[in-house]
């Protein structure tokens, strides 16, 4: 469990997982890699 968005993004970065601005941006990146599916995990900034 992480306490805030910055910590969440840092933990994802350590695992080699980098954020996208939107689900559409992630989808376009997946298409470039010829992936047929991907997992999008929204992180809310409140």
PDB file of N, CA and C in Angstrom:
ATOM      1  N   UNK A   1       0.851  -1.177   0.000  1.00  0.00           N
ATOM      2  CA  UNK A   1       0.000   0.000   0.000  1.00  0.00           C
ATOM      3  C   UNK A   1       0.895   1.238   0.000  1.00  0.00           C
ATOM      4  N   UNK A   2       0.529   2.224  -0.793  1.00  0.00           N
ATOM      5  CA  UNK A   2       1.262   3.496  -0.809  1.00  0.00           C
ATOM      6  C   UNK A   2       0.362   4.599  -0.282  1.00  0.00           C
ATOM      7  N   UNK A   3       0.971   5.639   0.250  1.00  0.00           N
ATOM      8  CA  UNK A   3       0.194   6.699   0.894  1.00  0.00           C
ATOM      9  C   UNK A   3      -0.258   7.809  -0.040  1.00  0.00           C
ATOM     10  N   UNK A   4       0.441   8.028  -1.138  1.00  0.00           N
ATOM     11  CA  UNK A   4       0.046   9.112  -2.033  1.00  0.00           C
ATOM     12  C   UNK A   4       0.440   8.801  -3.477  1.00  0.00           C
ATOM     13  N   UNK A   5      -0.001   9.643  -4.392  1.00  0.00           N
ATOM     14  CA  UNK A   5       0.222   9.426  -5.822  1.00  0.00           C
ATOM     15  C   UNK A   5       1.702   9.406  -6.154  1.00  0.00           C
ATOM     16  N   UNK A   6       2.482  10.319  -5.576  1.00  0.00           N
ATOM     17  CA  UNK A   6       3.917  10.357  -5.874  1.00  0.00           C
ATOM     18  C   UNK A   6       4.594   9.051  -5.478  1.00  0.00           C
ATOM     19  N   UNK A   7       4.246   8.528  -4.307  1.00  0.00           N
ATOM     20  CA  UNK A   7       4.810   7.246  -3.873  1.00  0.00           C
ATOM     21  C   UNK A   7       4.365   6.120  -4.802  1.00  0.00           C
ATOM     22  N   UNK A   8       3.110   6.151  -5.224  1.00  0.00           N
ATOM     23  CA  UNK A   8       2.597   5.121  -6.128  1.00  0.00           C
ATOM     24  C   UNK A   8       3.361   5.129  -7.441  1.00  0.00           C
ATOM     25  N   UNK A   9       3.564   6.301  -8.016  1.00  0.00           N
ATOM     26  CA  UNK A   9       4.284   6.412  -9.280  1.00  0.00           C
ATOM     27  C   UNK A   9       5.733   5.982  -9.113  1.00  0.00           C
ATOM     28  N   UNK A  10       6.354   6.338  -7.993  1.00  0.00           N
ATOM     29  CA  UNK A  10       7.733   5.923  -7.729  1.00  0.00           C
ATOM     30  C   UNK A  10       7.835   4.401  -7.636  1.00  0.00           C
ATOM     31  N   UNK A  11       6.903   3.769  -6.957  1.00  0.00           N
ATOM     32  CA  UNK A  11       6.911   2.307  -6.829  1.00  0.00           C
ATOM     33  C   UNK A  11       6.702   1.638  -8.184  1.00  0.00           C
ATOM     34  N   UNK A  12       5.806   2.178  -8.984  1.00  0.00           N
ATOM     35  CA  UNK A  12       5.599   1.627 -10.323  1.00  0.00           C
ATOM     36  C   UNK A  12       6.862   1.779 -11.166  1.00  0.00           C
ATOM     37  N   UNK A  13       7.532   2.931 -11.049  1.00  0.00           N
ATOM     38  CA  UNK A  13       8.775   3.164 -11.784  1.00  0.00           C
ATOM     39  C   UNK A  13       9.857   2.164 -11.404  1.00  0.00           C
ATOM     40  N   UNK A  14       9.945   1.831 -10.119  1.00  0.00           N
ATOM     41  CA  UNK A  14      10.918   0.831  -9.664  1.00  0.00           C
ATOM     42  C   UNK A  14      10.671  -0.524 -10.318  1.00  0.00           C
ATOM     43  N   UNK A  15       9.423  -0.801 -10.634  1.00  0.00           N
ATOM     44  CA  UNK A  15       9.054  -2.066 -11.270  1.00  0.00           C
ATOM     45  C   UNK A  15       9.116  -1.986 -12.801  1.00  0.00           C
ATOM     46  N   UNK A  16       9.547  -0.830 -13.324  1.00  0.00           N
ATOM     47  CA  UNK A  16       9.631  -0.676 -14.777  1.00  0.00           C
ATOM     48  C   UNK A  16       8.303  -0.376 -15.433  1.00  0.00           C
ATOM     49  N   UNK A  17       7.358   0.141 -14.644  1.00  0.00           N
ATOM     50  CA  UNK A  17       6.032   0.491 -15.149  1.00  0.00           C
ATOM     51  C   UNK A  17       5.904   2.008 -15.099  1.00  0.00           C
ATOM     52  N   UNK A  18       5.652   2.629 -16.235  1.00  0.00           N
ATOM     53  CA  UNK A  18       5.648   4.085 -16.307  1.00  0.00           C
ATOM     54  C   UNK A  18       4.269   4.617 -16.662  1.00  0.00           C
ATOM     55  N   UNK A  19       3.900   5.775 -16.129  1.00  0.00           N
ATOM     56  CA  UNK A  19       2.542   6.309 -16.296  1.00  0.00           C
ATOM     57  C   UNK A  19       2.299   6.934 -17.671  1.00  0.00           C
ATOM     58  N   UNK A  20       1.046   6.925 -18.057  1.00  0.00           N
ATOM     59  CA  UNK A  20       0.577   7.611 -19.254  1.00  0.00           C
ATOM     60  C   UNK A  20      -0.398   8.698 -18.813  1.00  0.00           C
ATOM     61  N   UNK A  21      -0.541   9.713 -19.632  1.00  0.00           N
ATOM     62  CA  UNK A  21      -1.452  10.822 -19.312  1.00  0.00           C
ATOM     63  C   UNK A  21      -2.909  10.382 -19.294  1.00  0.00           C
ATOM     64  N   UNK A  22      -3.226   9.369 -20.117  1.00  0.00           N
ATOM     65  CA  UNK A  22      -4.617   8.926 -20.231  1.00  0.00           C
ATOM     66  C   UNK A  22      -4.662   7.470 -20.691  1.00  0.00           C
ATOM     67  N   UNK A  23      -5.841   6.899 -20.602  1.00  0.00           N
ATOM     68  CA  UNK A  23      -6.033   5.535 -21.095  1.00  0.00           C
ATOM     69  C   UNK A  23      -5.818   5.493 -22.604  1.00  0.00           C
ATOM     70  N   UNK A  24      -6.237   6.523 -23.294  1.00  0.00           N
ATOM     71  CA  UNK A  24      -6.054   6.585 -24.747  1.00  0.00           C
ATOM     72  C   UNK A  24      -4.570   6.592 -25.107  1.00  0.00           C
ATOM     73  N   UNK A  25      -3.750   7.318 -24.350  1.00  0.00           N
ATOM     74  CA  UNK A  25      -2.307   7.340 -24.599  1.00  0.00           C
ATOM     75  C   UNK A  25      -1.713   5.946 -24.388  1.00  0.00           C
ATOM     76  N   UNK A  26      -2.154   5.250 -23.356  1.00  0.00           N
ATOM     77  CA  UNK A  26      -1.685   3.889 -23.100  1.00  0.00           C
ATOM     78  C   UNK A  26      -2.102   2.964 -24.238  1.00  0.00           C
ATOM     79  N   UNK A  27      -3.320   3.144 -24.735  1.00  0.00           N
ATOM     80  CA  UNK A  27      -3.830   2.313 -25.826  1.00  0.00           C
ATOM     81  C   UNK A  27      -3.001   2.523 -27.100  1.00  0.00           C
ATOM     82  N   UNK A  28      -2.672   3.772 -27.389  1.00  0.00           N
ATOM     83  CA  UNK A  28      -1.868   4.063 -28.575  1.00  0.00           C
ATOM     84  C   UNK A  28      -0.475   3.448 -28.467  1.00  0.00           C
ATOM     85  N   UNK A  29       0.107   3.517 -27.274  1.00  0.00           N
ATOM     86  CA  UNK A  29       1.425   2.917 -27.050  1.00  0.00           C
ATOM     87  C   UNK A  29       1.357   1.403 -27.243  1.00  0.00           C
ATOM     88  N   UNK A  30       0.311   0.787 -26.717  1.00  0.00           N
ATOM     89  CA  UNK A  30       0.130  -0.657 -26.877  1.00  0.00           C
ATOM     90  C   UNK A  30       0.016  -1.030 -28.355  1.00  0.00           C
ATOM     91  N   UNK A  31      -0.683  -0.207 -29.124  1.00  0.00           N
ATOM     92  CA  UNK A  31      -0.813  -0.461 -30.568  1.00  0.00           C
ATOM     93  C   UNK A  31       0.545  -0.405 -31.253  1.00  0.00           C
ATOM     94  N   UNK A  32       1.397   0.566 -30.843  1.00  0.00           N
ATOM     95  CA  UNK A  32       2.729   0.689 -31.439  1.00  0.00           C
ATOM     96  C   UNK A  32       3.554  -0.575 -31.205  1.00  0.00           C
ATOM     97  N   UNK A  33       3.322  -1.212 -30.058  1.00  0.00           N
ATOM     98  CA  UNK A  33       4.061  -2.432 -29.719  1.00  0.00           C
ATOM     99  C   UNK A  33       3.372  -3.698 -30.222  1.00  0.00           C
ATOM    100  N   UNK A  34       2.269  -3.517 -30.945  1.00  0.00           N
ATOM    101  CA  UNK A  34       1.468  -4.633 -31.470  1.00  0.00           C
ATOM    102  C   UNK A  34       0.934  -5.529 -30.359  1.00  0.00           C
ATOM    103  N   UNK A  35       0.619  -4.941 -29.213  1.00  0.00           N
ATOM    104  CA  UNK A  35       0.017  -5.692 -28.116  1.00  0.00           C
ATOM    105  C   UNK A  35      -1.477  -5.825 -28.373  1.00  0.00           C
ATOM    106  N   UNK A  36      -2.022  -6.959 -28.030  1.00  0.00           N
ATOM    107  CA  UNK A  36      -3.459  -7.161 -28.228  1.00  0.00           C
ATOM    108  C   UNK A  36      -4.255  -6.794 -26.977  1.00  0.00           C
ATOM    109  N   UNK A  37      -3.571  -6.671 -25.828  1.00  0.00           N
ATOM    110  CA  UNK A  37      -4.252  -6.248 -24.606  1.00  0.00           C
ATOM    111  C   UNK A  37      -3.246  -5.609 -23.655  1.00  0.00           C
ATOM    112  N   UNK A  38      -3.755  -4.841 -22.708  1.00  0.00           N
ATOM    113  CA  UNK A  38      -2.915  -4.226 -21.693  1.00  0.00           C
ATOM    114  C   UNK A  38      -3.775  -3.941 -20.476  1.00  0.00           C
ATOM    115  N   UNK A  39      -3.142  -3.685 -19.353  1.00  0.00           N
ATOM    116  CA  UNK A  39      -3.840  -3.383 -18.105  1.00  0.00           C
ATOM    117  C   UNK A  39      -3.629  -1.914 -17.788  1.00  0.00           C
ATOM    118  N   UNK A  40      -4.733  -1.188 -17.627  1.00  0.00           N
ATOM    119  CA  UNK A  40      -4.675   0.238 -17.304  1.00  0.00           C
ATOM    120  C   UNK A  40      -5.169   0.413 -15.877  1.00  0.00           C
ATOM    121  N   UNK A  41      -4.326   0.943 -15.016  1.00  0.00           N
ATOM    122  CA  UNK A  41      -4.690   1.176 -13.611  1.00  0.00           C
ATOM    123  C   UNK A  41      -4.756   2.674 -13.357  1.00  0.00           C
ATOM    124  N   UNK A  42      -5.943   3.241 -13.236  1.00  0.00           N
ATOM    125  CA  UNK A  42      -6.044   4.677 -13.004  1.00  0.00           C
ATOM    126  C   UNK A  42      -5.564   5.046 -11.598  1.00  0.00           C
ATOM    127  N   UNK A  43      -4.835   6.145 -11.519  1.00  0.00           N
ATOM    128  CA  UNK A  43      -4.390   6.697 -10.230  1.00  0.00           C
ATOM    129  C   UNK A  43      -5.016   8.081 -10.123  1.00  0.00           C
ATOM    130  N   UNK A  44      -5.884   8.261  -9.155  1.00  0.00           N
ATOM    131  CA  UNK A  44      -6.586   9.527  -8.977  1.00  0.00           C
ATOM    132  C   UNK A  44      -5.745  10.518  -8.186  1.00  0.00           C
ATOM    133  N   UNK A  45      -5.768  11.764  -8.620  1.00  0.00           N
ATOM    134  CA  UNK A  45      -5.119  12.837  -7.883  1.00  0.00           C
ATOM    135  C   UNK A  45      -6.229  13.689  -7.303  1.00  0.00           C
ATOM    136  N   UNK A  46      -6.424  13.597  -6.005  1.00  0.00           N
ATOM    137  CA  UNK A  46      -7.493  14.365  -5.354  1.00  0.00           C
ATOM    138  C   UNK A  46      -6.937  15.329  -4.356  1.00  0.00           C
TER     139      UNK A  46
END
